[in-house]
Amino acid sequence: MNLLQNLADLIYPAFNAAGIYLLWICLHYGASQMYVPLCAPNDVKGFVLSPFIAPAPHCQALRWLIYNGGNSISAMWIIFGTWCLSYLSPVRRSRNSSHKKI
């Protein structure tokens, strides 16, 4: 029973982190797909209107999602790599390294 509890204690935080990671991926992908048609149309009219459309609130929000979503995804890869390394090479304290006062 103790093994199952330890396993559950390990898996539950991983599922929470994976949910947040998937949310950022979806937001980043969706904002990237919506930015071009809404804020930088792919024709001459879009080229002419882009200086007026780009500062619009919806375009600023989409740029914020794209930028911060990308940064969050990168940070999550670093966190995941660090978490994996912590299980591959745990830091151990030596028992013989007691400090004696002189």
N, C-alpha and C. Protein backbone atom coordinates (compact mmCIF):
# COMPACT_ATOMS: atom_id res chain seq x y z
N MET A 1 0.82 -1.20 0.00
CA MET A 1 0.00 0.00 0.00
C MET A 1 0.86 1.25 0.00
N ASN A 2 1.98 1.20 0.71
CA ASN A 2 2.89 2.33 0.79
C ASN A 2 3.48 2.65 -0.59
N LEU A 3 3.75 1.61 -1.37
CA LEU A 3 4.29 1.81 -2.71
C LEU A 3 3.28 2.54 -3.60
N LEU A 4 2.01 2.16 -3.50
CA LEU A 4 0.97 2.82 -4.29
C LEU A 4 0.81 4.29 -3.89
N GLN A 5 0.90 4.55 -2.60
CA GLN A 5 0.80 5.94 -2.14
C GLN A 5 1.98 6.77 -2.64
N ASN A 6 3.18 6.20 -2.58
CA ASN A 6 4.37 6.91 -3.09
C ASN A 6 4.26 7.17 -4.59
N LEU A 7 3.75 6.19 -5.31
CA LEU A 7 3.57 6.35 -6.75
C LEU A 7 2.53 7.42 -7.06
N ALA A 8 1.44 7.42 -6.30
CA ALA A 8 0.40 8.44 -6.49
C ALA A 8 0.94 9.84 -6.16
N ASP A 9 1.76 9.94 -5.12
CA ASP A 9 2.36 11.23 -4.75
C ASP A 9 3.31 11.73 -5.83
N LEU A 10 3.89 10.84 -6.60
CA LEU A 10 4.80 11.22 -7.67
C LEU A 10 4.04 11.57 -8.95
N ILE A 11 2.99 10.85 -9.25
CA ILE A 11 2.27 11.03 -10.52
C ILE A 11 1.34 12.23 -10.50
N TYR A 12 0.68 12.50 -9.36
CA TYR A 12 -0.29 13.59 -9.31
C TYR A 12 0.31 14.95 -9.69
N PRO A 13 1.46 15.36 -9.12
CA PRO A 13 2.05 16.63 -9.55
C PRO A 13 2.46 16.63 -11.02
N ALA A 14 2.87 15.48 -11.54
CA ALA A 14 3.26 15.40 -12.95
C ALA A 14 2.05 15.65 -13.85
N PHE A 15 0.88 15.12 -13.48
CA PHE A 15 -0.33 15.36 -14.27
C PHE A 15 -0.74 16.83 -14.22
N ASN A 16 -0.61 17.47 -13.06
CA ASN A 16 -0.92 18.89 -12.95
C ASN A 16 0.01 19.72 -13.84
N ALA A 17 1.29 19.43 -13.79
CA ALA A 17 2.24 20.16 -14.62
C ALA A 17 1.98 19.92 -16.10
N ALA A 18 1.63 18.69 -16.46
CA ALA A 18 1.34 18.38 -17.86
C ALA A 18 0.11 19.13 -18.34
N GLY A 19 -0.89 19.31 -17.47
CA GLY A 19 -2.08 20.06 -17.84
C GLY A 19 -1.78 21.52 -18.12
N ILE A 20 -0.95 22.13 -17.29
CA ILE A 20 -0.56 23.52 -17.50
C ILE A 20 0.26 23.63 -18.78
N TYR A 21 1.15 22.68 -19.00
CA TYR A 21 1.98 22.66 -20.21
C TYR A 21 1.10 22.56 -21.45
N LEU A 22 0.12 21.67 -21.44
CA LEU A 22 -0.79 21.53 -22.59
C LEU A 22 -1.63 22.78 -22.80
N LEU A 23 -2.03 23.44 -21.73
CA LEU A 23 -2.78 24.69 -21.85
C LEU A 23 -1.94 25.75 -22.56
N TRP A 24 -0.67 25.91 -22.16
CA TRP A 24 0.21 26.89 -22.81
C TRP A 24 0.44 26.54 -24.28
N ILE A 25 0.58 25.26 -24.58
CA ILE A 25 0.78 24.84 -25.97
C ILE A 25 -0.45 25.22 -26.80
N CYS A 26 -1.64 24.93 -26.27
CA CYS A 26 -2.88 25.26 -27.01
C CYS A 26 -3.04 26.76 -27.19
N LEU A 27 -2.78 27.54 -26.14
CA LEU A 27 -2.90 28.99 -26.25
C LEU A 27 -1.89 29.56 -27.25
N HIS A 28 -0.66 29.08 -27.19
CA HIS A 28 0.38 29.55 -28.10
C HIS A 28 0.03 29.20 -29.55
N TYR A 29 -0.39 27.98 -29.78
CA TYR A 29 -0.73 27.55 -31.13
C TYR A 29 -1.94 28.32 -31.67
N GLY A 30 -2.97 28.46 -30.84
CA GLY A 30 -4.17 29.17 -31.28
C GLY A 30 -3.89 30.63 -31.59
N ALA A 31 -3.12 31.29 -30.73
CA ALA A 31 -2.78 32.70 -30.97
C ALA A 31 -1.93 32.85 -32.23
N SER A 32 -1.03 31.92 -32.46
CA SER A 32 -0.20 31.98 -33.67
C SER A 32 -1.03 31.82 -34.93
N GLN A 33 -2.02 30.94 -34.87
CA GLN A 33 -2.87 30.72 -36.03
C GLN A 33 -3.83 31.89 -36.27
N MET A 34 -4.26 32.56 -35.22
CA MET A 34 -5.21 33.66 -35.37
C MET A 34 -4.53 34.98 -35.73
N TYR A 35 -3.24 35.13 -35.40
CA TYR A 35 -2.58 36.42 -35.60
C TYR A 35 -2.53 36.82 -37.07
N VAL A 36 -2.16 35.93 -37.94
CA VAL A 36 -2.00 36.29 -39.35
C VAL A 36 -3.32 36.75 -39.97
N PRO A 37 -4.41 36.01 -39.88
CA PRO A 37 -5.63 36.51 -40.52
C PRO A 37 -6.21 37.76 -39.85
N LEU A 38 -6.04 37.90 -38.53
CA LEU A 38 -6.65 39.03 -37.84
C LEU A 38 -5.78 40.28 -37.83
N CYS A 39 -4.46 40.12 -37.82
CA CYS A 39 -3.58 41.28 -37.60
C CYS A 39 -2.60 41.55 -38.74
N ALA A 40 -2.37 40.59 -39.59
CA ALA A 40 -1.44 40.77 -40.71
C ALA A 40 -1.95 39.99 -41.91
N PRO A 41 -3.08 40.41 -42.50
CA PRO A 41 -3.62 39.68 -43.64
C PRO A 41 -2.59 39.55 -44.76
N ASN A 42 -2.69 38.46 -45.49
CA ASN A 42 -1.67 38.08 -46.47
C ASN A 42 -2.02 38.62 -47.87
N ASP A 43 -2.24 39.92 -47.97
CA ASP A 43 -2.51 40.54 -49.27
C ASP A 43 -2.09 42.01 -49.20
N VAL A 44 -2.30 42.73 -50.28
CA VAL A 44 -1.89 44.13 -50.34
C VAL A 44 -2.67 44.96 -49.33
N LYS A 45 -3.96 44.69 -49.19
CA LYS A 45 -4.78 45.41 -48.22
C LYS A 45 -4.23 45.21 -46.81
N GLY A 46 -3.80 44.00 -46.48
CA GLY A 46 -3.21 43.72 -45.18
C GLY A 46 -1.91 44.45 -44.97
N PHE A 47 -1.12 44.57 -46.04
CA PHE A 47 0.14 45.30 -45.95
C PHE A 47 -0.12 46.79 -45.67
N VAL A 48 -1.11 47.34 -46.34
CA VAL A 48 -1.42 48.76 -46.17
C VAL A 48 -2.04 49.02 -44.79
N LEU A 49 -2.88 48.13 -44.34
CA LEU A 49 -3.58 48.33 -43.06
C LEU A 49 -2.80 47.86 -41.83
N SER A 50 -1.73 47.12 -42.01
CA SER A 50 -1.02 46.56 -40.85
C SER A 50 -0.52 47.61 -39.86
N PRO A 51 -0.07 48.81 -40.29
CA PRO A 51 0.33 49.80 -39.27
C PRO A 51 -0.85 50.26 -38.40
N PHE A 52 -2.06 50.13 -38.91
CA PHE A 52 -3.23 50.55 -38.14
C PHE A 52 -3.83 49.39 -37.34
N ILE A 53 -3.66 48.17 -37.83
CA ILE A 53 -4.24 47.00 -37.15
C ILE A 53 -3.31 46.49 -36.05
N ALA A 54 -2.00 46.54 -36.25
CA ALA A 54 -1.05 45.96 -35.30
C ALA A 54 -1.17 46.51 -33.88
N PRO A 55 -1.41 47.82 -33.69
CA PRO A 55 -1.55 48.31 -32.31
C PRO A 55 -2.91 48.04 -31.67
N ALA A 56 -3.82 47.43 -32.39
CA ALA A 56 -5.15 47.15 -31.84
C ALA A 56 -5.06 46.21 -30.64
N PRO A 57 -5.97 46.33 -29.69
CA PRO A 57 -5.90 45.51 -28.47
C PRO A 57 -5.89 44.00 -28.73
N HIS A 58 -6.67 43.54 -29.69
CA HIS A 58 -6.70 42.09 -29.93
C HIS A 58 -5.37 41.60 -30.50
N CYS A 59 -4.70 42.43 -31.29
CA CYS A 59 -3.39 42.04 -31.83
C CYS A 59 -2.32 42.06 -30.74
N GLN A 60 -2.41 43.04 -29.84
CA GLN A 60 -1.47 43.07 -28.72
C GLN A 60 -1.66 41.86 -27.82
N ALA A 61 -2.90 41.47 -27.59
CA ALA A 61 -3.18 40.29 -26.76
C ALA A 61 -2.64 39.02 -27.42
N LEU A 62 -2.82 38.91 -28.73
CA LEU A 62 -2.31 37.73 -29.44
C LEU A 62 -0.79 37.70 -29.41
N ARG A 63 -0.14 38.86 -29.60
CA ARG A 63 1.33 38.90 -29.52
C ARG A 63 1.80 38.53 -28.13
N TRP A 64 1.09 38.98 -27.08
CA TRP A 64 1.44 38.63 -25.71
C TRP A 64 1.37 37.12 -25.51
N LEU A 65 0.30 36.51 -26.01
CA LEU A 65 0.14 35.05 -25.88
C LEU A 65 1.24 34.31 -26.63
N ILE A 66 1.58 34.79 -27.82
CA ILE A 66 2.63 34.12 -28.60
C ILE A 66 3.97 34.22 -27.88
N TYR A 67 4.32 35.42 -27.43
CA TYR A 67 5.62 35.62 -26.78
C TYR A 67 5.71 34.87 -25.45
N ASN A 68 4.74 35.10 -24.57
CA ASN A 68 4.80 34.47 -23.26
C ASN A 68 4.51 32.97 -23.32
N GLY A 69 3.71 32.54 -24.28
CA GLY A 69 3.50 31.11 -24.47
C GLY A 69 4.78 30.41 -24.86
N GLY A 70 5.53 31.01 -25.78
CA GLY A 70 6.82 30.44 -26.18
C GLY A 70 7.80 30.39 -25.03
N ASN A 71 7.85 31.46 -24.23
CA ASN A 71 8.75 31.47 -23.07
C ASN A 71 8.34 30.43 -22.04
N SER A 72 7.04 30.26 -21.82
CA SER A 72 6.57 29.27 -20.86
C SER A 72 6.88 27.85 -21.33
N ILE A 73 6.72 27.60 -22.61
CA ILE A 73 7.03 26.27 -23.15
C ILE A 73 8.52 25.99 -23.00
N SER A 74 9.37 26.97 -23.28
CA SER A 74 10.82 26.79 -23.11
C SER A 74 11.17 26.53 -21.64
N ALA A 75 10.56 27.30 -20.75
CA ALA A 75 10.84 27.12 -19.32
C ALA A 75 10.37 25.75 -18.84
N MET A 76 9.25 25.27 -19.37
CA MET A 76 8.76 23.96 -18.95
C MET A 76 9.69 22.84 -19.43
N TRP A 77 10.30 23.00 -20.59
CA TRP A 77 11.27 22.00 -21.04
C TRP A 77 12.47 21.97 -20.09
N ILE A 78 12.91 23.15 -19.64
CA ILE A 78 14.04 23.20 -18.70
C ILE A 78 13.64 22.55 -17.38
N ILE A 79 12.44 22.85 -16.89
CA ILE A 79 11.97 22.24 -15.64
C ILE A 79 11.86 20.72 -15.78
N PHE A 80 11.31 20.27 -16.91
CA PHE A 80 11.17 18.83 -17.13
C PHE A 80 12.54 18.16 -17.20
N GLY A 81 13.48 18.77 -17.88
CA GLY A 81 14.83 18.20 -17.96
C GLY A 81 15.51 18.15 -16.60
N THR A 82 15.34 19.20 -15.82
CA THR A 82 15.91 19.22 -14.48
C THR A 82 15.28 18.15 -13.59
N TRP A 83 13.96 18.01 -13.71
CA TRP A 83 13.25 16.99 -12.93
C TRP A 83 13.74 15.59 -13.31
N CYS A 84 13.90 15.34 -14.60
CA CYS A 84 14.41 14.03 -15.04
C CYS A 84 15.82 13.79 -14.54
N LEU A 85 16.67 14.80 -14.62
CA LEU A 85 18.04 14.65 -14.14
C LEU A 85 18.10 14.41 -12.63
N SER A 86 17.16 14.98 -11.90
CA SER A 86 17.18 14.78 -10.46
C SER A 86 16.91 13.32 -10.10
N TYR A 87 16.20 12.60 -10.94
CA TYR A 87 15.97 11.18 -10.69
C TYR A 87 17.07 10.30 -11.27
N LEU A 88 17.79 10.81 -12.26
CA LEU A 88 18.88 10.02 -12.83
C LEU A 88 20.15 10.12 -12.01
N SER A 89 20.42 11.30 -11.46
CA SER A 89 21.64 11.47 -10.68
C SER A 89 21.33 12.23 -9.40
N PRO A 90 20.82 11.53 -8.40
CA PRO A 90 20.47 12.23 -7.15
C PRO A 90 21.72 12.71 -6.42
N VAL A 91 21.60 13.83 -5.77
CA VAL A 91 22.69 14.37 -4.98
C VAL A 91 22.66 13.68 -3.63
N ARG A 92 23.79 13.14 -3.24
CA ARG A 92 23.87 12.41 -1.96
C ARG A 92 24.91 13.07 -1.07
N ARG A 93 24.61 13.09 0.20
CA ARG A 93 25.53 13.63 1.17
C ARG A 93 26.33 12.48 1.77
N SER A 94 27.61 12.64 1.83
CA SER A 94 28.47 11.60 2.39
C SER A 94 28.34 11.56 3.90
N ARG A 95 28.33 10.35 4.46
CA ARG A 95 28.19 10.21 5.91
C ARG A 95 29.50 10.53 6.62
N ASN A 96 30.60 10.46 5.92
CA ASN A 96 31.92 10.68 6.53
C ASN A 96 32.36 12.13 6.46
N SER A 97 31.51 13.00 6.04
CA SER A 97 31.93 14.39 5.86
C SER A 97 31.48 15.28 7.01
N SER A 98 31.55 14.76 8.23
CA SER A 98 31.18 15.59 9.38
C SER A 98 32.29 16.60 9.63
N HIS A 99 31.88 17.81 9.93
CA HIS A 99 32.85 18.89 10.19
C HIS A 99 33.20 18.91 11.66
N LYS A 100 34.48 18.91 11.94
CA LYS A 100 34.94 18.96 13.32
C LYS A 100 35.53 20.35 13.58
N LYS A 101 35.19 20.86 14.73
CA LYS A 101 35.73 22.16 15.12
C LYS A 101 37.15 21.97 15.63
N ILE A 102 37.99 22.90 15.27
CA ILE A 102 39.41 22.82 15.68
C ILE A 102 39.63 23.70 16.88
